[in-house]
Amino acid sequence: MNPSGASSELGRAIARNPVWRFTVDRRGFDDPRLEWRRLFAEVFGTFLLVLVASGASVVAAVSHGGVGRVEAVAAPGLMVMAIILFMGAVSGAHLNPAVTISFAARGDFPWRRVPGYIGAQLLGATLACGFLGLVFGEIGRLGATVPGPGISDLQALVLEIVLTLGLVSTILGTASKAQNVGPIAAFAVGGYIALAGLWASPISGASMNPARSFGPDLILLNFAHYWVFAVGPIVGGLLAVAVAHILRGPGGDLPAVQAAQGRLEEFFPLAPKEPPETSPSATAGGRPGR
């Protein structure tokens, strides 16, 4: 067997197969022509998440206790699990500005796409709470996250930092090449969200997500405690990035990039962009024209 011949054959197979090209060329993850699909996925996914997370409090108020605390904290975890499984390959299923910022800080997601993702997440959360308000009225505070009775903003802030540290550590850990578990990561992330809510929701609401807290606050026009749920998760996420660096070194490996950005190029292989035209005079000397 000729090793060089086998290598050449593999190279030709990769050149013929768009999926292989996508796998080995990380630039394929960042095709701006597919960005609207990714942003739609973030709007839709965050809408579903906040619909369940805020809706639990609304339905509990409407039904006079028909939804208990255990159900209210388990439902968002189950919803996140489902969302990751059905559309994680499209956008990465961030659903959370703290997750988007953490992926970017880790080197798995381009910073220039962060504003679009965060805007989509805030929009999805607002649409969900607007829907709940339209259907049921401003009941149950639309599931707004606030510090519990007797809990100060500082106490809630510290808890949100620690809770999000664990959440983002789970997300980054299951996405890395050292411990990549593929779709099974949905169970770890969803399970963590439910677990955090089971013990911590009476203190801070266990938001861990600035978008989830933004939706009801915007509809109610009450941002008195919002800073807690914006600063806490972002700080916790960045701490998780530092922990991931200590545990596994720098990010940017292929499984992590796939988890953060999805695999949309595999579903919608687009024709390569046309190279810029070159003029004969510019190329005569062997240099491309501009």
Foldseek 3Di string as FASTA:
>chain_A
DDVVVVVVVVVVVCVVDLLSVCLVDVVLLVPPVLVVQLLVLLLQLLLQLLLLLLVLLLVCQVVVRPRDLLNNQLRSLVSLLVSCLPCCQRFLNQLFLLLLVLCVVLVLDPPVCSVSSVVSSLNSLQVNLVVSCVVRNCPSLSNAWDFAVPADLVNLLQLLLQLLLVLLLLLQQCQAPVNPPPSCSSNVNSVSSSVCSVPPCNGTNSPLGLSSNNNSCVVVVHCPSSVSNVVRNNNSSNVSSVVCCVVPNGGDDSSSNCSRRHNVCVVPVDDDDDDDDADCVQPVVPHGHD
